[in-house]
N, C-alpha and C. Protein backbone atom coordinates (compact mmCIF):
# COMPACT_ATOMS: atom_id res chain seq x y z
N MET A 1 134.06 52.28 108.83
CA MET A 1 134.79 52.06 108.00
C MET A 1 135.27 53.39 107.42
N CYS A 2 136.57 53.65 106.99
CA CYS A 2 136.90 55.21 106.70
C CYS A 2 136.28 55.39 105.00
N PHE A 3 136.62 56.61 104.55
CA PHE A 3 136.64 56.95 103.21
C PHE A 3 135.20 57.42 102.82
N SER A 4 134.45 56.49 102.74
CA SER A 4 133.15 56.75 101.73
C SER A 4 132.03 55.41 101.86
N ALA A 5 130.76 55.93 101.30
CA ALA A 5 129.80 55.00 101.23
C ALA A 5 129.57 53.94 99.90
N THR A 6 130.77 54.28 99.08
CA THR A 6 130.64 53.23 97.97
C THR A 6 132.18 52.03 98.55
N ALA A 7 133.26 52.72 99.14
CA ALA A 7 134.03 51.64 99.73
C ALA A 7 133.51 50.82 100.56
N SER A 8 132.32 51.33 101.54
CA SER A 8 132.01 50.45 102.52
C SER A 8 131.11 49.39 101.53
N PHE A 9 130.29 49.96 100.91
CA PHE A 9 129.54 48.52 99.98
C PHE A 9 130.53 47.99 99.00
N VAL A 10 131.46 48.52 98.68
CA VAL A 10 132.51 47.44 97.85
C VAL A 10 132.89 46.73 98.95
N ALA A 11 133.27 47.24 99.96
CA ALA A 11 133.84 46.02 101.21
C ALA A 11 133.28 44.95 101.39
N SER A 12 131.73 45.44 101.90
CA SER A 12 130.81 44.69 102.27
C SER A 12 130.28 43.38 101.32
N GLY A 13 130.64 43.80 99.57
CA GLY A 13 130.28 42.75 98.71
C GLY A 13 131.28 41.82 98.56
N ALA A 14 132.58 42.22 99.12
CA ALA A 14 133.94 41.40 98.66
C ALA A 14 133.69 40.59 99.92
N LEU A 15 133.64 41.04 100.68
CA LEU A 15 133.50 39.92 102.17
C LEU A 15 132.30 39.12 102.01
N VAL A 16 131.11 39.16 101.24
CA VAL A 16 130.13 38.32 101.31
C VAL A 16 130.47 37.38 100.43
N THR A 17 131.09 37.93 99.19
CA THR A 17 131.57 37.01 98.09
C THR A 17 132.86 35.73 98.84
N SER A 18 133.51 36.32 99.35
CA SER A 18 134.18 35.41 100.66
C SER A 18 133.51 34.70 101.27
N GLY A 19 132.68 35.18 101.87
CA GLY A 19 131.85 34.17 103.07
C GLY A 19 131.18 33.38 102.45
N VAL A 20 130.78 33.35 101.41
CA VAL A 20 129.92 32.56 100.23
C VAL A 20 130.59 31.52 99.75
N ALA A 21 132.29 31.72 99.26
CA ALA A 21 133.11 30.62 98.76
C ALA A 21 133.58 30.04 100.14
N ILE A 22 133.73 30.47 101.20
CA ILE A 22 134.09 29.51 102.40
C ILE A 22 133.15 28.66 102.97
N ALA A 23 131.83 29.18 102.89
CA ALA A 23 130.70 28.27 103.24
C ALA A 23 130.57 26.87 102.11
N ARG A 24 131.14 27.00 100.97
CA ARG A 24 131.30 26.16 99.77
C ARG A 24 132.47 25.12 100.13
N ILE A 25 133.54 25.63 101.16
CA ILE A 25 134.61 24.63 101.38
C ILE A 25 134.75 23.64 102.29
N PRO A 26 134.62 22.63 102.00
CA PRO A 26 134.33 21.17 103.24
C PRO A 26 134.78 21.94 104.50
N LYS A 27 134.42 21.48 105.68
CA LYS A 27 134.91 21.93 107.05
C LYS A 27 134.27 21.70 107.97
N PRO A 28 134.83 20.94 109.50
CA PRO A 28 134.05 20.29 110.44
C PRO A 28 133.08 21.39 111.03
N LYS A 29 132.00 21.12 111.82
CA LYS A 29 131.21 21.87 111.86
C LYS A 29 131.66 22.64 112.86
N SER A 30 132.59 22.63 113.77
CA SER A 30 133.53 23.22 114.95
C SER A 30 134.28 24.78 114.00
N ALA A 31 134.23 24.47 112.81
CA ALA A 31 134.71 25.73 112.33
C ALA A 31 134.04 26.57 111.77
N VAL A 32 132.62 26.18 111.50
CA VAL A 32 131.40 27.13 111.13
C VAL A 32 131.23 28.37 112.01
N PRO A 33 131.60 28.82 113.25
CA PRO A 33 131.85 30.32 113.81
C PRO A 33 132.92 30.89 112.91
N LEU A 34 134.05 30.25 113.00
CA LEU A 34 135.21 30.69 112.13
C LEU A 34 134.95 31.43 110.81
N SER A 35 133.97 30.56 110.30
CA SER A 35 133.90 30.97 108.44
C SER A 35 132.36 31.90 108.57
N MET A 36 132.19 32.25 110.05
CA MET A 36 131.00 33.56 109.67
C MET A 36 132.00 34.92 109.64
N PHE A 37 133.33 34.65 109.69
CA PHE A 37 133.25 36.23 110.13
C PHE A 37 133.49 37.04 109.16
N PRO A 38 133.87 36.52 107.37
CA PRO A 38 133.73 37.65 106.91
C PRO A 38 132.26 38.28 106.77
N VAL A 39 131.27 37.25 107.01
CA VAL A 39 130.09 37.82 106.32
C VAL A 39 129.57 38.70 107.72
N ILE A 40 130.11 38.46 108.97
CA ILE A 40 129.71 39.62 109.77
C ILE A 40 130.29 40.88 109.76
N PHE A 41 131.73 40.68 109.33
CA PHE A 41 132.18 42.14 108.69
C PHE A 41 131.52 42.65 107.72
N ALA A 42 131.07 41.83 106.80
CA ALA A 42 130.21 42.67 105.53
C ALA A 42 129.00 43.17 106.08
N ILE A 43 128.44 42.59 106.98
CA ILE A 43 127.16 43.66 107.63
C ILE A 43 127.60 44.66 108.66
N LEU A 44 128.86 45.01 109.07
CA LEU A 44 129.29 45.82 109.51
C LEU A 44 129.75 47.25 108.61
N GLN A 45 130.16 46.70 107.64
CA GLN A 45 130.68 47.37 106.85
C GLN A 45 129.46 48.11 105.96
N PHE A 46 128.09 47.21 105.58
CA PHE A 46 126.98 47.47 105.18
C PHE A 46 126.79 48.47 105.81
N PHE A 47 126.35 48.70 107.17
CA PHE A 47 125.68 49.56 108.20
C PHE A 47 126.60 50.66 108.41
N GLU A 48 127.73 50.87 108.01
CA GLU A 48 128.82 51.97 108.17
C GLU A 48 128.40 52.59 106.70
N GLY A 49 128.08 52.08 105.67
CA GLY A 49 127.80 52.20 104.14
C GLY A 49 126.53 53.37 104.39
N LEU A 50 125.42 52.76 104.87
CA LEU A 50 124.14 53.52 105.26
C LEU A 50 124.54 54.66 106.10
N LEU A 51 125.22 54.80 107.01
CA LEU A 51 125.77 55.94 107.45
C LEU A 51 126.31 57.32 106.82
N TRP A 52 127.01 56.62 105.71
CA TRP A 52 127.78 57.23 104.64
C TRP A 52 126.42 58.44 104.11
N LEU A 53 125.85 57.27 103.71
CA LEU A 53 124.58 57.65 102.79
C LEU A 53 123.74 58.59 103.79
N ASN A 54 123.47 58.48 105.06
CA ASN A 54 122.70 59.34 105.48
C ASN A 54 123.93 60.88 105.82
N HIS A 55 124.73 60.68 105.89
CA HIS A 55 125.60 62.05 106.26
C HIS A 55 125.93 62.64 104.94
N ARG A 56 125.62 61.66 103.66
CA ARG A 56 125.59 62.89 102.42
C ARG A 56 124.01 63.18 101.99
N GLY A 57 123.25 62.79 102.97
CA GLY A 57 121.49 63.17 102.88
C GLY A 57 121.09 62.51 101.71
N PHE A 58 121.64 61.22 101.27
CA PHE A 58 120.74 60.18 100.59
C PHE A 58 119.32 59.38 101.31
N ILE A 59 119.30 58.98 102.82
CA ILE A 59 118.68 58.48 103.04
C ILE A 59 118.41 58.90 104.72
N ALA A 60 116.98 58.83 105.21
CA ALA A 60 116.15 59.34 106.03
C ALA A 60 117.47 58.91 107.84
N ASP A 61 117.38 59.87 108.49
CA ASP A 61 117.65 59.73 109.97
C ASP A 61 117.06 58.76 110.71
N ASN A 62 116.08 58.01 110.29
CA ASN A 62 115.52 56.60 110.88
C ASN A 62 116.82 55.80 110.51
N TYR A 63 116.95 55.35 109.53
CA TYR A 63 118.12 54.72 109.02
C TYR A 63 119.56 54.69 109.82
N ARG A 64 119.60 55.97 110.07
CA ARG A 64 121.04 56.54 110.94
C ARG A 64 121.02 55.54 112.41
N SER A 65 120.11 55.60 112.61
CA SER A 65 119.74 55.27 114.20
C SER A 65 119.60 53.82 114.28
N ILE A 66 119.38 53.05 113.40
CA ILE A 66 119.34 51.59 113.45
C ILE A 66 120.88 51.02 112.95
N ALA A 67 121.24 52.15 112.08
CA ALA A 67 122.44 51.59 111.96
C ALA A 67 123.83 51.84 113.07
N VAL A 68 123.40 52.85 113.51
CA VAL A 68 124.40 52.91 115.00
C VAL A 68 124.33 51.71 115.89
N TYR A 69 123.13 51.67 115.98
CA TYR A 69 122.75 50.92 117.23
C TYR A 69 123.27 49.23 116.63
N ALA A 70 122.82 48.84 115.12
CA ALA A 70 123.75 47.58 114.81
C ALA A 70 125.07 47.76 114.84
N PHE A 71 125.68 48.87 114.40
CA PHE A 71 127.23 48.44 114.15
C PHE A 71 127.80 48.30 116.04
N LEU A 72 127.15 49.09 116.74
CA LEU A 72 127.72 49.26 118.08
C LEU A 72 127.55 47.76 118.52
N LEU A 73 126.25 47.40 118.29
CA LEU A 73 125.96 45.67 119.06
C LEU A 73 126.89 44.74 118.43
N ILE A 74 127.27 45.11 117.26
CA ILE A 74 127.99 43.84 116.23
C ILE A 74 129.39 44.25 116.92
N ALA A 75 129.78 45.40 116.90
CA ALA A 75 131.19 45.85 116.90
C ALA A 75 131.49 45.70 118.55
N PHE A 76 130.60 45.77 119.60
CA PHE A 76 131.14 45.92 120.56
C PHE A 76 130.59 44.82 121.71
N VAL A 77 129.30 44.22 121.42
CA VAL A 77 129.18 43.29 122.05
C VAL A 77 128.69 41.83 121.34
N LEU A 78 128.82 41.81 120.39
CA LEU A 78 128.94 40.18 119.62
C LEU A 78 130.61 40.04 119.84
N TRP A 79 131.26 40.87 119.02
CA TRP A 79 132.79 40.44 118.36
C TRP A 79 133.39 39.73 119.80
N PRO A 80 133.58 40.52 121.05
CA PRO A 80 134.18 39.97 122.10
C PRO A 80 133.52 38.49 122.62
N ILE A 81 132.64 38.31 122.62
CA ILE A 81 132.00 36.87 122.84
C ILE A 81 132.02 35.96 122.04
N PHE A 82 131.86 36.30 120.64
CA PHE A 82 131.81 35.58 119.59
C PHE A 82 133.38 34.73 119.07
N VAL A 83 134.15 35.73 119.24
CA VAL A 83 135.40 35.24 118.81
C VAL A 83 136.64 34.70 119.91
N PRO A 84 136.36 34.77 120.95
CA PRO A 84 136.59 33.29 121.86
C PRO A 84 136.42 32.22 121.38
N PHE A 85 134.85 32.53 121.27
CA PHE A 85 134.03 30.87 121.61
C PHE A 85 134.63 30.50 120.20
N SER A 86 134.66 31.08 118.83
CA SER A 86 135.11 30.61 117.50
C SER A 86 136.32 29.58 117.71
N VAL A 87 137.15 30.49 118.17
CA VAL A 87 138.73 29.75 118.35
C VAL A 87 138.66 28.64 119.50
N TYR A 88 138.02 28.63 120.54
CA TYR A 88 138.20 27.72 121.65
C TYR A 88 137.28 26.64 121.05
N ILE A 89 136.31 26.31 120.23
CA ILE A 89 135.86 25.03 119.84
C ILE A 89 136.68 24.35 118.91
N LEU A 90 137.39 25.15 118.33
CA LEU A 90 138.69 24.77 117.27
C LEU A 90 139.48 23.82 118.08
N GLU A 91 140.15 24.35 119.26
CA GLU A 91 141.21 24.01 119.89
C GLU A 91 141.05 22.71 120.63
N SER A 92 141.99 21.68 120.82
CA SER A 92 142.33 20.82 121.15
C SER A 92 143.40 20.84 122.48
N GLY A 93 144.39 21.40 122.31
CA GLY A 93 145.03 21.78 123.47
C GLY A 93 144.56 21.86 124.96
N ARG A 94 145.38 21.48 125.85
CA ARG A 94 144.40 21.32 127.25
C ARG A 94 144.63 23.01 127.83
N ILE A 95 145.94 23.49 127.93
CA ILE A 95 146.28 24.72 128.24
C ILE A 95 145.97 25.58 127.69
N ARG A 96 145.97 25.42 126.58
CA ARG A 96 145.71 26.64 125.36
C ARG A 96 143.66 26.99 125.48
N ARG A 97 143.37 25.81 125.67
CA ARG A 97 141.69 26.15 125.68
C ARG A 97 141.38 26.65 127.35
N VAL A 98 142.51 26.46 128.49
CA VAL A 98 142.09 26.83 129.53
C VAL A 98 142.41 28.41 129.29
N ILE A 99 143.43 28.82 128.59
CA ILE A 99 143.76 30.42 128.31
C ILE A 99 142.67 31.00 127.19
N ILE A 100 142.01 29.91 126.38
CA ILE A 100 141.05 30.84 125.68
C ILE A 100 139.77 31.12 126.52
N LEU A 101 139.47 29.90 127.32
CA LEU A 101 138.23 30.29 127.96
C LEU A 101 138.40 31.35 129.37
N LEU A 102 139.73 31.55 129.39
CA LEU A 102 139.66 32.76 130.21
C LEU A 102 139.42 34.38 129.30
N CYS A 103 139.72 34.01 128.00
CA CYS A 103 139.35 34.99 127.37
C CYS A 103 138.15 35.20 126.99
N GLN A 104 137.70 34.09 127.22
CA GLN A 104 136.17 33.99 127.05
C GLN A 104 135.68 34.90 128.01
N PHE A 105 135.98 34.69 128.84
CA PHE A 105 135.23 35.12 130.43
C PHE A 105 135.49 36.75 130.15
N ALA A 106 136.68 37.02 129.75
CA ALA A 106 136.84 38.83 129.51
C ALA A 106 135.94 39.29 128.66
N GLY A 107 135.71 38.50 127.55
CA GLY A 107 134.74 38.85 126.80
C GLY A 107 133.44 38.79 126.96
N MET A 108 133.03 38.15 127.76
CA MET A 108 131.52 38.18 128.26
C MET A 108 131.28 39.68 129.12
N CYS A 109 132.67 39.54 129.97
CA CYS A 109 132.32 40.72 130.77
C CYS A 109 132.41 42.09 129.90
N ALA A 110 133.58 42.51 129.00
CA ALA A 110 133.19 43.39 127.92
C ALA A 110 132.27 43.43 127.35
N GLY A 111 131.74 42.56 126.77
CA GLY A 111 130.35 42.40 125.67
C GLY A 111 129.11 42.96 126.71
N LEU A 112 128.70 42.38 128.00
CA LEU A 112 127.62 42.30 128.68
C LEU A 112 127.79 43.94 128.99
N THR A 113 129.07 44.28 129.27
CA THR A 113 129.06 45.89 130.09
C THR A 113 128.93 46.74 128.97
N ASN A 114 129.22 46.35 127.52
CA ASN A 114 129.49 47.42 126.36
C ASN A 114 127.70 46.88 125.97
N LEU A 115 126.90 46.31 126.41
CA LEU A 115 125.50 46.11 126.17
C LEU A 115 125.04 46.73 127.15
N VAL A 116 125.23 47.19 128.06
CA VAL A 116 124.38 48.27 129.38
C VAL A 116 124.86 49.74 128.88
N ILE A 117 125.88 49.72 128.54
CA ILE A 117 126.08 51.13 128.12
C ILE A 117 125.43 51.70 126.58
N ILE A 118 125.27 50.79 125.88
CA ILE A 118 124.91 51.18 124.72
C ILE A 118 123.43 51.28 124.85
N ILE A 119 122.65 50.60 125.69
CA ILE A 119 121.26 50.65 126.03
C ILE A 119 120.72 52.04 126.82
N ARG A 120 122.00 52.43 127.55
CA ARG A 120 121.93 53.49 128.66
C ARG A 120 122.03 54.87 127.85
N GLY A 121 123.04 54.60 126.79
CA GLY A 121 123.18 55.87 126.41
C GLY A 121 124.03 57.04 126.83
N PRO A 122 124.26 57.93 125.95
CA PRO A 122 124.18 58.66 124.88
C PRO A 122 125.04 57.67 123.80
N ILE A 123 124.88 57.71 122.68
CA ILE A 123 125.51 57.01 121.90
C ILE A 123 125.37 57.78 120.74
N ASP A 124 126.24 57.83 119.14
CA ASP A 124 126.00 58.60 118.40
C ASP A 124 127.16 58.19 117.51
N ALA A 125 127.20 58.57 116.11
CA ALA A 125 128.39 58.61 115.29
C ALA A 125 128.61 59.74 114.32
N LEU A 126 129.67 60.06 114.31
CA LEU A 126 130.40 61.50 113.86
C LEU A 126 131.21 61.31 113.00
N VAL A 127 131.20 62.19 111.72
CA VAL A 127 132.22 62.08 110.92
C VAL A 127 133.32 63.20 111.42
N VAL A 128 134.81 62.20 111.35
CA VAL A 128 135.73 63.18 111.70
C VAL A 128 136.84 62.83 110.79
N GLY A 129 137.35 63.82 109.75
CA GLY A 129 137.99 63.63 108.94
C GLY A 129 137.31 62.75 107.78
N HIS A 130 137.87 61.54 107.59
CA HIS A 130 137.40 60.83 106.91
C HIS A 130 137.05 59.31 107.13
N SER A 131 136.62 59.30 108.56
CA SER A 131 136.15 58.17 109.32
C SER A 131 134.92 58.54 110.51
N PHE A 132 134.37 57.49 110.64
CA PHE A 132 133.41 57.65 111.38
C PHE A 132 133.63 57.71 113.19
N ALA A 133 133.35 58.53 113.87
CA ALA A 133 134.14 58.69 115.36
C ALA A 133 132.32 57.98 116.04
N TYR A 134 132.74 56.83 116.89
CA TYR A 134 131.54 56.33 117.39
C TYR A 134 131.60 56.86 118.94
N VAL A 135 130.32 57.45 119.53
CA VAL A 135 130.50 58.28 120.87
C VAL A 135 129.53 57.18 121.67
N ILE A 136 130.91 56.52 122.64
CA ILE A 136 130.04 55.53 123.00
C ILE A 136 131.30 55.39 124.59
N ASN A 137 130.75 55.38 125.66
CA ASN A 137 131.42 55.82 126.52
C ASN A 137 132.14 54.61 127.63
N ILE A 138 133.08 53.90 126.80
CA ILE A 138 133.55 52.53 127.55
C ILE A 138 134.82 52.71 128.09
N PRO A 139 134.58 51.77 129.81
CA PRO A 139 136.07 52.44 130.70
C PRO A 139 136.83 51.36 129.80
N ASP A 140 138.37 51.95 130.34
CA ASP A 140 139.44 51.87 129.86
C ASP A 140 139.76 50.25 129.98
N ILE A 141 139.03 49.81 131.22
CA ILE A 141 139.35 48.42 131.52
C ILE A 141 138.32 47.59 131.10
N ILE A 142 137.50 48.23 130.30
CA ILE A 142 136.49 47.46 129.27
C ILE A 142 136.96 47.11 128.16
N SER A 143 137.79 48.31 127.47
CA SER A 143 138.35 48.30 126.09
C SER A 143 139.73 47.29 126.47
N ALA A 144 140.14 47.37 127.30
CA ALA A 144 141.62 46.21 127.67
C ALA A 144 140.85 44.80 127.64
N LEU A 145 139.83 44.43 128.21
CA LEU A 145 139.53 43.27 128.15
C LEU A 145 138.42 42.92 126.66
N TYR A 146 138.28 43.93 126.25
CA TYR A 146 137.81 43.70 124.92
C TYR A 146 138.93 43.16 123.73
N LEU A 147 139.93 44.00 123.90
CA LEU A 147 141.22 43.34 123.16
C LEU A 147 141.83 42.10 123.26
N ILE A 148 141.86 41.87 124.68
CA ILE A 148 142.51 40.45 125.42
C ILE A 148 141.51 39.24 124.56
N SER A 149 139.82 39.84 124.32
CA SER A 149 138.94 38.65 124.05
C SER A 149 139.22 38.34 122.55
N ILE A 150 139.43 39.42 121.63
CA ILE A 150 139.54 39.50 120.42
C ILE A 150 140.99 39.13 119.87
N ILE A 151 142.11 39.09 120.57
CA ILE A 151 143.42 39.02 119.87
C ILE A 151 144.28 37.91 120.82
N ILE A 152 143.99 37.56 121.78
CA ILE A 152 144.74 36.63 122.42
C ILE A 152 144.39 35.09 122.19
N PRO A 153 143.24 34.72 121.95
CA PRO A 153 142.48 33.18 121.59
C PRO A 153 143.30 33.27 120.28
N PHE A 154 143.77 33.81 119.43
CA PHE A 154 144.42 33.23 118.06
C PHE A 154 145.57 33.15 118.22
N LEU A 155 146.42 34.31 119.07
CA LEU A 155 147.64 33.79 119.20
C LEU A 155 148.39 32.62 120.02
N VAL A 156 147.14 32.58 121.00
CA VAL A 156 147.44 31.13 121.56
C VAL A 156 146.92 30.18 121.15
N SER A 157 146.98 30.09 119.92
CA SER A 157 145.73 29.04 119.05
C SER A 157 147.03 27.97 118.49
N GLY A 158 146.79 26.74 118.30
CA GLY A 158 147.84 25.68 118.33
C GLY A 158 147.80 25.47 116.81
N ASN A 159 146.79 26.19 116.17
CA ASN A 159 147.17 26.23 114.58
C ASN A 159 147.93 27.43 113.85
N LYS A 160 148.59 27.09 113.28
CA LYS A 160 149.89 28.28 112.66
C LYS A 160 148.82 29.05 111.87
N GLY A 161 148.21 28.84 111.37
CA GLY A 161 147.62 29.57 110.36
C GLY A 161 146.30 30.93 111.21
N LEU A 162 146.01 30.47 112.37
CA LEU A 162 145.04 31.22 113.34
C LEU A 162 146.26 32.15 114.47
N VAL A 163 147.30 31.80 114.10
CA VAL A 163 148.50 32.40 115.14
C VAL A 163 148.97 33.51 114.22
N ILE A 164 148.92 33.29 113.21
CA ILE A 164 149.33 34.41 112.00
C ILE A 164 148.17 35.31 111.62
N PHE A 165 146.98 35.03 112.04
CA PHE A 165 146.02 35.95 112.00
C PHE A 165 145.68 36.73 112.97
N GLY A 166 146.16 36.07 114.05
CA GLY A 166 145.88 37.09 115.27
C GLY A 166 146.99 37.98 115.16
N ALA A 167 148.70 37.59 114.91
CA ALA A 167 149.64 38.69 114.85
C ALA A 167 149.14 39.81 113.75
N THR A 168 148.72 39.03 112.64
CA THR A 168 147.94 40.29 112.07
C THR A 168 146.98 41.07 112.47
N LEU A 169 146.23 40.62 112.82
CA LEU A 169 145.28 41.27 113.49
C LEU A 169 145.70 41.97 114.89
N ALA A 170 146.54 41.62 115.44
CA ALA A 170 147.19 42.73 116.58
C ALA A 170 148.07 43.73 115.78
N ALA A 171 148.75 43.65 114.72
CA ALA A 171 149.37 44.49 114.39
C ALA A 171 148.71 45.90 113.68
N SER A 172 147.20 45.14 113.41
CA SER A 172 146.22 45.80 112.54
C SER A 172 145.62 47.14 113.33
N SER A 173 145.77 46.67 114.96
CA SER A 173 145.27 47.24 116.10
C SER A 173 145.97 47.96 116.46
N VAL A 174 147.59 48.07 116.07
CA VAL A 174 148.69 49.09 116.66
C VAL A 174 148.57 50.09 115.48
N THR A 175 148.31 49.71 114.26
CA THR A 175 148.49 50.67 113.40
C THR A 175 147.07 51.49 113.07
N ALA A 176 145.95 50.69 113.62
CA ALA A 176 144.78 51.89 113.98
C ALA A 176 145.20 52.76 114.73
N GLY A 177 145.73 52.54 116.31
CA GLY A 177 145.89 53.47 116.79
C GLY A 177 146.81 54.58 116.48
N PHE A 178 147.90 54.38 115.48
CA PHE A 178 148.52 55.52 114.95
C PHE A 178 147.64 56.49 114.28
N LEU A 179 146.75 55.72 113.35
CA LEU A 179 145.98 56.40 111.92
C LEU A 179 144.76 57.17 112.97
N ALA A 180 144.39 56.87 113.63
CA ALA A 180 142.78 57.00 114.06
C ALA A 180 143.01 58.24 115.39
N SER A 181 141.88 58.78 115.80
CA SER A 181 141.85 59.12 117.16
C SER A 181 140.92 58.42 117.89
N THR A 182 141.13 58.73 119.22
CA THR A 182 139.93 57.61 120.49
C THR A 182 138.74 57.15 119.51
N GLY A 183 138.12 57.99 119.13
CA GLY A 183 136.55 58.15 118.70
C GLY A 183 136.55 57.22 117.39
N THR A 184 137.38 57.28 116.45
CA THR A 184 137.76 56.66 115.00
C THR A 184 138.33 55.20 115.17
N PHE A 185 138.91 55.23 116.47
CA PHE A 185 139.66 53.63 116.40
C PHE A 185 138.98 52.82 115.51
N PRO A 186 137.36 52.52 116.50
CA PRO A 186 136.62 51.12 116.08
C PRO A 186 136.55 51.32 114.75
N SER A 187 136.06 52.43 113.79
CA SER A 187 135.69 52.28 112.47
C SER A 187 136.91 51.76 111.80
N VAL A 188 138.19 52.40 111.61
CA VAL A 188 139.47 51.90 111.15
C VAL A 188 139.42 51.00 111.36
N TRP A 189 139.90 50.24 112.26
CA TRP A 189 140.42 48.92 113.06
C TRP A 189 139.19 47.80 112.45
N CYS A 190 138.02 48.16 112.79
CA CYS A 190 136.84 47.08 112.12
C CYS A 190 137.22 47.29 110.72
N PHE A 191 137.57 48.07 109.81
CA PHE A 191 137.94 48.06 108.61
C PHE A 191 139.18 47.25 108.16
N PHE A 192 140.18 47.53 108.87
CA PHE A 192 141.37 46.57 108.79
C PHE A 192 141.02 45.15 108.67
N ALA A 193 140.29 45.00 109.76
CA ALA A 193 140.15 43.44 110.62
C ALA A 193 139.28 42.59 109.58
N ALA A 194 138.30 43.57 108.70
CA ALA A 194 137.32 43.15 107.58
C ALA A 194 138.40 43.01 106.15
N ILE A 195 139.25 43.43 105.97
CA ILE A 195 140.24 43.01 105.07
C ILE A 195 141.02 41.56 105.69
N LEU A 196 141.58 41.66 107.00
CA LEU A 196 142.37 40.80 106.80
C LEU A 196 141.51 39.35 107.23
N SER A 197 139.78 39.32 107.49
CA SER A 197 139.02 37.97 107.22
C SER A 197 139.13 37.54 105.98
N LEU A 198 139.64 38.30 105.29
CA LEU A 198 139.60 37.50 104.01
C LEU A 198 140.24 36.70 103.48
N PHE A 199 141.91 36.72 104.49
CA PHE A 199 142.45 35.68 104.54
C PHE A 199 141.91 34.07 105.11
N LEU A 200 140.89 34.29 105.67
CA LEU A 200 140.20 32.89 106.03
C LEU A 200 139.95 32.12 104.90
N TYR A 201 139.89 32.93 103.99
CA TYR A 201 139.24 31.82 102.84
C TYR A 201 140.71 30.93 102.65
N LEU A 202 141.85 31.87 102.57
CA LEU A 202 142.89 30.79 102.36
C LEU A 202 143.34 30.00 103.08
N PHE A 203 142.85 30.07 104.44
CA PHE A 203 142.97 29.22 105.42
C PHE A 203 142.02 27.94 105.57
N PHE A 204 140.77 27.92 105.28
CA PHE A 204 139.78 27.55 104.95
C PHE A 204 140.09 26.25 103.78
N ARG A 205 140.94 26.65 102.69
CA ARG A 205 141.03 26.48 101.46
C ARG A 205 142.21 25.44 101.55
N TYR A 206 143.00 25.89 102.35
CA TYR A 206 144.56 25.01 102.47
C TYR A 206 144.37 24.16 103.65
N SER A 207 143.22 24.00 104.43
CA SER A 207 142.78 23.22 105.49
C SER A 207 142.00 22.19 104.78
N ALA A 208 141.33 22.34 104.06
CA ALA A 208 140.34 21.34 103.03
C ALA A 208 141.25 20.57 102.13
N ASN A 209 142.52 21.20 101.14
CA ASN A 209 143.41 20.55 100.29
C ASN A 209 144.23 19.72 101.56
N ARG A 210 144.78 20.16 102.72
CA ARG A 210 145.31 18.87 103.36
C ARG A 210 144.44 17.79 104.12
N ASN A 211 143.59 18.42 104.37
CA ASN A 211 142.82 16.82 104.39
C ASN A 211 142.27 15.76 103.41
N ARG A 212 142.41 16.49 102.26
CA ARG A 212 141.94 15.62 101.06
C ARG A 212 143.36 14.56 100.85
N LYS A 213 144.61 15.46 101.16
CA LYS A 213 145.90 15.06 100.78
C LYS A 213 145.97 13.79 101.99
N ILE A 214 145.65 13.86 103.24
CA ILE A 214 146.10 12.56 103.98
C ILE A 214 145.65 11.21 104.18
N PRO A 215 144.14 11.23 103.67
CA PRO A 215 143.70 9.78 103.18
C PRO A 215 144.41 9.23 102.42
N ALA A 216 144.60 9.96 101.30
CA ALA A 216 145.22 9.68 99.92
C ALA A 216 146.68 9.06 100.38
N THR A 217 147.63 9.58 101.04
CA THR A 217 148.84 9.30 101.42
C THR A 217 148.75 7.85 102.51
N SER A 218 147.66 7.73 103.54
CA SER A 218 147.50 7.09 104.21
C SER A 218 146.80 5.36 103.41
N SER A 219 146.48 5.60 102.50
CA SER A 219 145.96 4.63 101.58
C SER A 219 146.83 3.84 100.90
N SER A 220 147.29 4.60 100.19
CA SER A 220 148.96 4.22 99.36
C SER A 220 150.00 3.71 100.17
N SER A 221 150.03 3.86 101.44
CA SER A 221 150.89 3.44 102.23
C SER A 221 150.60 1.88 103.05
């Protein structure tokens, strides 16, 4: 995330709070992976906060290495695999499930390739302007598969709330592309996506309220 350690830790705390609130909302087991998004983003923001602290000289370089690897593994390996899976298990439409499954395959290719790239190195995180630029040599085709796996599953979902989330996620990607350089794009977009994940609280709250009203309507008729 851009700006400062304070901004990163405040965002992380807000995301954890949102994640705890979502955890208390009744939901089917198939929705649990999606409900974990805010907490996973909170972890990302926490590690970027550590990077800012190291940049300012408050913590040792040992923590910096851990933070860089943790951020890259979550952002570039976990996300492209976890996101399509989270949407797939919520989807009931056959054609939509096939499309999301193809996105899952794209995400597996992107995630596993990125894992190899991270292990081989070199990787680094440098401050450029007010953001961190992550040094990781990802081929353009893998970047394309990454974006497909993260955005398309939401856009083809049969749930209007998830489609809206996917549309705003795509818009945030374009915005981050205009505001950030190639190196700082992951940091800036993860920040935007983290803020958008707070929307999921409203999504789960609305779903829970709607499910409570349906039995009541049925019993009265």
